[in-house]
Protein backbone atom coordinates (compact mmCIF):
# COMPACT_ATOMS: atom_id res chain seq x y z
CA MET A 1 -76.74 16.79 29.50
CA THR A 2 -73.23 17.98 29.67
CA THR A 3 -70.86 16.27 27.36
CA SER A 4 -67.26 16.47 28.34
CA SER A 5 -64.86 15.87 25.57
CA SER A 6 -61.42 14.93 26.62
CA THR A 7 -58.74 15.69 24.09
CA THR A 8 -55.68 13.57 24.24
CA SER A 9 -52.75 15.40 22.82
CA SER A 10 -50.03 13.12 21.73
CA SER A 11 -46.66 14.72 21.55
CA THR A 12 -44.33 13.35 18.96
CA THR A 13 -40.84 13.09 20.21
CA SER A 14 -38.31 12.97 17.47
CA THR A 15 -35.35 11.06 18.57
CA THR A 16 -32.10 11.87 16.87
CA THR A 17 -29.94 8.85 16.72
CA THR A 18 -26.32 9.71 16.82
CA SER A 19 -24.11 7.02 15.51
CA THR A 20 -21.00 6.91 17.55
CA ARG A 21 -18.01 5.18 16.06
CA ARG A 22 -16.31 3.15 18.62
CA ALA A 23 -12.64 2.59 18.45
CA PRO A 24 -11.82 -1.05 17.96
CA ALA A 25 -11.08 -2.80 21.16
CA SER A 26 -7.37 -3.01 21.72
CA VAL A 27 -6.15 -6.53 21.61
CA PRO A 28 -3.21 -7.10 23.90
CA LEU A 29 -0.13 -8.38 22.17
CA GLY A 30 0.61 -11.98 22.82
CA THR A 31 4.01 -13.31 23.74
CA ALA A 32 4.60 -14.48 20.16
CA ASP A 33 3.72 -11.02 18.76
CA ARG A 34 6.10 -9.26 21.12
CA ALA A 35 8.84 -11.72 20.24
CA LEU A 36 8.36 -10.97 16.53
CA LEU A 37 8.45 -7.21 17.11
CA GLY A 38 11.51 -7.55 19.29
CA LEU A 39 13.21 -9.60 16.60
CA HIS A 40 12.39 -6.94 13.99
CA LEU A 41 13.80 -4.17 16.17
CA ARG A 42 16.97 -6.11 16.93
CA ASP A 43 17.46 -6.83 13.23
CA HIS A 44 16.87 -3.13 12.46
CA ALA A 45 19.44 -2.15 15.10
CA ARG A 46 21.97 -4.54 13.59
CA ALA A 47 21.54 -3.00 10.12
CA MET A 48 21.74 0.52 11.56
CA ALA A 49 24.91 -0.31 13.49
CA GLU A 50 26.56 -1.51 10.29
CA LEU A 51 25.32 1.62 8.50
CA GLU A 52 26.92 3.78 11.18
CA ALA A 53 30.19 1.90 10.68
CA GLN A 54 30.02 2.76 6.96
CA VAL A 55 29.29 6.47 7.38
CA PRO A 56 32.69 7.37 5.84
CA VAL A 57 31.52 5.75 2.58
CA ILE A 58 28.36 7.88 2.58
CA GLU A 59 30.38 11.02 3.35
CA ARG A 60 32.68 10.35 0.41
CA TRP A 61 29.76 9.53 -1.92
CA GLY A 62 27.87 12.67 -0.88
CA ARG A 63 30.86 14.93 -1.59
CA GLU A 64 31.58 13.21 -4.90
CA LEU A 65 27.92 13.43 -5.93
CA ALA A 66 27.93 17.17 -5.17
CA ASN A 67 31.16 17.62 -7.11
CA ARG A 68 29.91 15.74 -10.16
CA LEU A 69 26.40 17.20 -10.27
CA GLY A 70 27.85 20.64 -9.60
CA ARG A 71 29.83 20.22 -12.84
CA GLY A 72 26.64 19.43 -14.76
CA GLN A 73 26.66 15.61 -14.56
CA ARG A 74 23.53 13.59 -13.86
CA LEU A 75 22.37 11.05 -11.28
CA LEU A 76 20.58 7.92 -12.53
CA VAL A 77 18.98 5.74 -9.85
CA ALA A 78 16.91 2.56 -9.93
CA GLY A 79 15.40 -0.21 -7.82
CA ASN A 80 12.58 -2.78 -7.80
CA GLY A 81 9.48 -2.72 -5.59
CA GLY A 82 10.13 -0.91 -2.31
CA SER A 83 13.62 -0.06 -3.56
CA ALA A 84 11.98 1.61 -6.57
CA ALA A 85 10.12 3.89 -4.15
CA GLU A 86 13.40 4.72 -2.41
CA ALA A 87 15.04 5.40 -5.78
CA GLN A 88 12.32 7.94 -6.56
CA HIS A 89 12.74 9.36 -3.06
CA LEU A 90 16.43 9.99 -3.75
CA SER A 91 15.90 11.55 -7.17
CA SER A 92 13.17 13.85 -5.82
CA GLU A 93 15.47 15.08 -3.03
CA ILE A 94 18.14 15.97 -5.59
CA VAL A 95 15.81 17.66 -8.09
CA GLY A 96 13.84 19.35 -5.30
CA ARG A 97 15.69 19.84 -2.05
CA PHE A 98 16.43 17.97 1.13
CA ASP A 99 16.92 20.33 4.03
CA GLY A 100 17.43 23.85 2.77
CA GLU A 101 17.10 26.14 -0.22
CA ARG A 102 19.45 25.40 -3.11
CA ALA A 103 19.53 25.02 -6.88
CA PRO A 104 17.98 21.94 -8.48
CA PHE A 105 20.23 19.23 -9.89
CA SER A 106 19.68 16.57 -12.54
CA ALA A 107 18.47 13.19 -11.25
CA LEU A 108 16.32 10.56 -12.91
CA ALA A 109 14.66 7.51 -11.33
CA LEU A 110 14.71 4.95 -14.13
CA ASN A 111 11.99 2.77 -12.59
CA ALA A 112 9.59 5.73 -12.81
CA GLU A 113 9.91 5.83 -16.61
CA SER A 114 6.85 3.63 -17.06
CA SER A 115 6.67 3.77 -20.87
CA SER A 116 10.36 2.97 -21.24
CA VAL A 117 10.19 0.21 -18.63
CA THR A 118 7.22 -1.50 -20.29
CA ALA A 119 8.50 -1.03 -23.85
CA ILE A 120 11.97 -2.35 -23.01
CA GLY A 121 10.53 -5.17 -20.92
CA ASN A 122 8.23 -6.16 -23.73
CA ASP A 123 10.87 -6.02 -26.48
CA TYR A 124 14.06 -7.05 -24.68
CA GLY A 125 12.97 -8.71 -21.43
CA PHE A 126 12.72 -7.46 -17.85
CA GLU A 127 16.44 -7.95 -17.26
CA GLN A 128 17.17 -5.05 -19.63
CA VAL A 129 14.66 -2.46 -18.34
CA PHE A 130 17.34 -0.44 -16.50
CA ALA A 131 20.48 -1.37 -18.43
CA ARG A 132 19.11 -0.04 -21.72
CA GLN A 133 18.12 3.24 -20.05
CA VAL A 134 21.57 3.55 -18.46
CA THR A 135 23.15 2.99 -21.87
CA ALA A 136 20.88 5.67 -23.33
CA HIS A 137 21.32 8.32 -20.61
CA ALA A 138 24.60 7.77 -18.80
CA ARG A 139 27.68 9.68 -19.85
CA SER A 140 31.21 9.46 -18.53
CA GLY A 141 31.32 11.22 -15.16
CA ASP A 142 27.65 10.64 -14.32
CA VAL A 143 26.58 8.70 -11.22
CA VAL A 144 24.46 5.53 -11.22
CA VAL A 145 22.98 4.43 -7.86
CA LEU A 146 21.25 1.05 -7.63
CA LEU A 147 19.21 -0.11 -4.62
CA SER A 148 18.45 -3.72 -3.76
CA THR A 149 17.75 -5.52 -0.49
CA SER A 150 19.12 -8.78 -1.90
CA GLY A 151 21.78 -7.67 -4.35
CA ARG A 152 20.66 -10.41 -6.71
CA SER A 153 18.19 -8.70 -9.07
CA PRO A 154 19.35 -9.48 -12.64
CA ASN A 155 18.03 -6.17 -14.01
CA LEU A 156 20.07 -4.17 -11.49
CA VAL A 157 23.19 -6.25 -12.08
CA ALA A 158 22.81 -5.58 -15.82
CA ALA A 159 22.34 -1.86 -15.08
CA ALA A 160 25.53 -1.81 -12.99
CA ARG A 161 27.51 -3.34 -15.83
CA ALA A 162 26.03 -0.80 -18.26
CA GLY A 163 26.98 2.04 -15.90
CA VAL A 164 30.57 0.83 -15.63
CA ARG A 165 30.79 0.51 -19.44
CA ALA A 166 29.52 4.10 -19.80
CA GLY A 167 32.23 5.41 -17.48
CA ALA A 168 29.75 6.45 -14.79
CA ALA A 169 30.48 6.12 -11.07
CA THR A 170 28.34 3.09 -10.24
CA TRP A 171 27.34 2.62 -6.60
CA ALA A 172 25.16 -0.13 -5.10
CA LEU A 173 23.22 -0.14 -1.82
CA THR A 174 22.41 -3.76 -1.05
CA GLY A 175 21.74 -6.37 1.56
CA GLU A 176 24.53 -8.50 2.93
CA GLY A 177 27.51 -8.81 0.62
CA PRO A 178 29.33 -9.83 -1.33
CA ASN A 179 26.59 -10.47 -3.87
CA PRO A 180 26.19 -10.19 -7.66
CA LEU A 181 25.32 -6.47 -7.52
CA THR A 182 28.25 -5.49 -5.29
CA ARG A 183 30.58 -7.42 -7.61
CA ALA A 184 29.17 -5.70 -10.73
CA SER A 185 29.37 -2.19 -9.25
CA ALA A 186 32.44 -0.01 -8.80
CA GLU A 187 31.57 0.63 -5.13
CA SER A 188 28.97 -0.67 -2.73
CA LEU A 189 27.44 -0.29 0.70
CA ALA A 190 26.16 -3.67 1.88
CA LEU A 191 24.14 -4.09 5.07
CA PRO A 192 23.21 -7.27 6.95
CA GLY A 193 19.65 -8.18 7.91
CA THR A 194 16.23 -9.05 6.59
CA ALA A 195 14.82 -7.31 3.53
CA ALA A 196 12.72 -5.06 5.79
CA SER A 197 15.56 -3.95 8.05
CA VAL A 198 17.92 -3.40 5.10
CA GLN A 199 15.31 -1.29 3.34
CA GLU A 200 14.74 0.79 6.49
CA ALA A 201 18.48 1.38 6.88
CA GLN A 202 18.82 2.23 3.19
CA LEU A 203 16.28 5.02 3.59
CA VAL A 204 18.40 6.47 6.38
CA ALA A 205 21.46 6.07 4.11
CA ILE A 206 19.67 8.07 1.42
CA HIS A 207 18.93 10.87 3.89
CA LEU A 208 22.53 10.89 5.09
CA LEU A 209 23.73 11.05 1.48
CA CYS A 210 21.40 13.98 0.80
CA ARG A 211 22.54 15.79 3.94
CA VAL A 212 26.20 15.51 2.90
CA PHE A 213 25.26 16.52 -0.67
CA ASP A 214 23.39 19.65 0.45
CA HIS A 215 26.19 20.63 2.84
CA ALA A 216 28.84 20.20 0.13
CA ILE A 217 26.80 22.24 -2.36
CA ALA A 218 26.30 25.01 0.22
CA THR A 219 30.01 25.02 1.11
CA ALA A 220 30.99 25.21 -2.56
CA GLY A 221 28.58 28.10 -3.05
CA ARG A 222 30.08 30.06 -0.15
CA SER A 223 33.63 29.52 -1.36
CA SER A 224 32.97 30.49 -4.99
């Protein structure tokens, strides 16, 4: 008897599952969304148009800042929240550089001094967190720059008054004026608009200030 054995070979197929990340489906903007974005852009354009009208102020500030820091004076700058970030942005451009190689200059963002801010806030109240630092650091001939989208922050108003008392050039970048901060400062650049559009325009103002500053420093270096 012949026995036939049939061997069934089972082949194991290993399936590699590749997980593909799908981009989220784009949701078309509704009419209300587009209206909000359009409103934001129009408000931004309004603030930028006013900034362009005040370019002579920025030119004068940039040259004066270069003149004062070139003589060994110091820049003190402060703000709250998003304006605090812009204050640090300005100080870093001065200590580092903006758009070309140059020497470093002295600039201090007071809101970045976390131990001082918390100690002063704890002992003297939040209204004094910048004013006490200005009193400690500012000397006659220094520059104090204060940023606020509202112009109504009590701690910045107190800092402006401290800067004026110290004999420092005290400049405010604010939202629509007049407001308490513009009145407390020696000079101001006030822009109309929402907090967001004012903050966006103030960042451009900082860059314009740095551009004038760097150009003035370079020009002074070539003429010396």
